[in-house]
Amino acid sequence: MPRRKYGRLRKVVEIPTKEKCSRCRSGKYCPIPGHSGNEIVSSKNWKGPEKITKRDGKK
């Protein structure tokens, strides 16, 4: 049993390809650059006011 001198032992993991990435296949956000899940595209249009002003602070 190896001693854990500076914390947990970490296993080296290979980066999955775009086709085999479980996050991209499930439609979730993927932190790996270049994958389809890394691109965030909004499916809704903004229907709010054109200009937004900040509220005055309570005094």
Protein backbone atom coordinates (compact mmCIF):
# COMPACT_ATOMS: atom_id res chain seq x y z
CA MET A 1 0.00 0.00 0.00
CA PRO A 2 1.65 3.28 -1.06
CA ARG A 3 1.84 6.15 1.39
CA ARG A 4 -0.18 9.24 0.58
CA LYS A 5 2.30 11.89 1.48
CA TYR A 6 0.79 14.93 -0.27
CA GLY A 7 -2.86 13.95 -0.71
CA ARG A 8 -4.75 11.56 -2.95
CA LEU A 9 -3.12 9.48 -5.63
CA ARG A 10 -4.42 10.58 -9.02
CA LYS A 11 -4.99 8.35 -12.00
CA VAL A 12 -3.98 9.73 -15.42
CA VAL A 13 -7.02 9.80 -17.71
CA GLU A 14 -6.91 10.24 -21.49
CA ILE A 15 -9.13 12.91 -23.06
CA PRO A 16 -12.02 11.22 -24.91
CA THR A 17 -12.70 11.93 -28.59
CA LYS A 18 -15.74 13.95 -29.67
CA GLU A 19 -17.66 10.80 -30.63
CA LYS A 20 -16.96 8.95 -27.38
CA CYS A 21 -17.40 11.85 -24.94
CA SER A 22 -20.25 10.99 -22.54
CA ARG A 23 -20.96 14.65 -21.71
CA CYS A 24 -21.32 15.68 -25.35
CA ARG A 25 -23.49 12.66 -26.18
CA SER A 26 -25.88 13.42 -23.30
CA GLY A 27 -26.25 17.06 -24.38
CA LYS A 28 -24.63 18.55 -21.29
CA TYR A 29 -21.84 21.14 -20.96
CA CYS A 30 -18.38 19.74 -21.67
CA PRO A 31 -15.27 21.56 -20.32
CA ILE A 32 -12.96 20.10 -23.00
CA PRO A 33 -12.20 22.73 -25.69
CA GLY A 34 -13.08 21.71 -29.24
CA HIS A 35 -15.96 19.44 -28.22
CA SER A 36 -19.53 20.14 -29.31
CA GLY A 37 -20.66 20.37 -25.66
CA ASN A 38 -18.23 23.25 -25.04
CA GLU A 39 -20.18 25.62 -27.29
CA ILE A 40 -22.98 27.30 -25.36
CA VAL A 41 -25.86 28.29 -27.64
CA SER A 42 -29.02 29.85 -26.25
CA SER A 43 -32.29 28.44 -27.50
CA LYS A 44 -34.38 31.41 -26.34
CA ASN A 45 -34.48 35.03 -27.43
CA TRP A 46 -34.30 37.92 -24.93
CA LYS A 47 -37.76 39.46 -24.52
CA GLY A 48 -36.87 42.00 -21.85
CA PRO A 49 -36.38 45.75 -22.13
CA GLU A 50 -33.69 47.16 -24.42
CA LYS A 51 -32.02 49.18 -21.65
CA ILE A 52 -31.68 48.06 -18.04
CA THR A 53 -30.78 50.49 -15.24
CA LYS A 54 -29.50 49.40 -11.84
CA ARG A 55 -31.70 49.89 -8.83
CA ASP A 56 -30.78 52.55 -6.29
CA GLY A 57 -29.40 51.17 -3.05
CA LYS A 58 -31.55 51.14 0.08
CA LYS A 59 -30.79 53.94 2.51
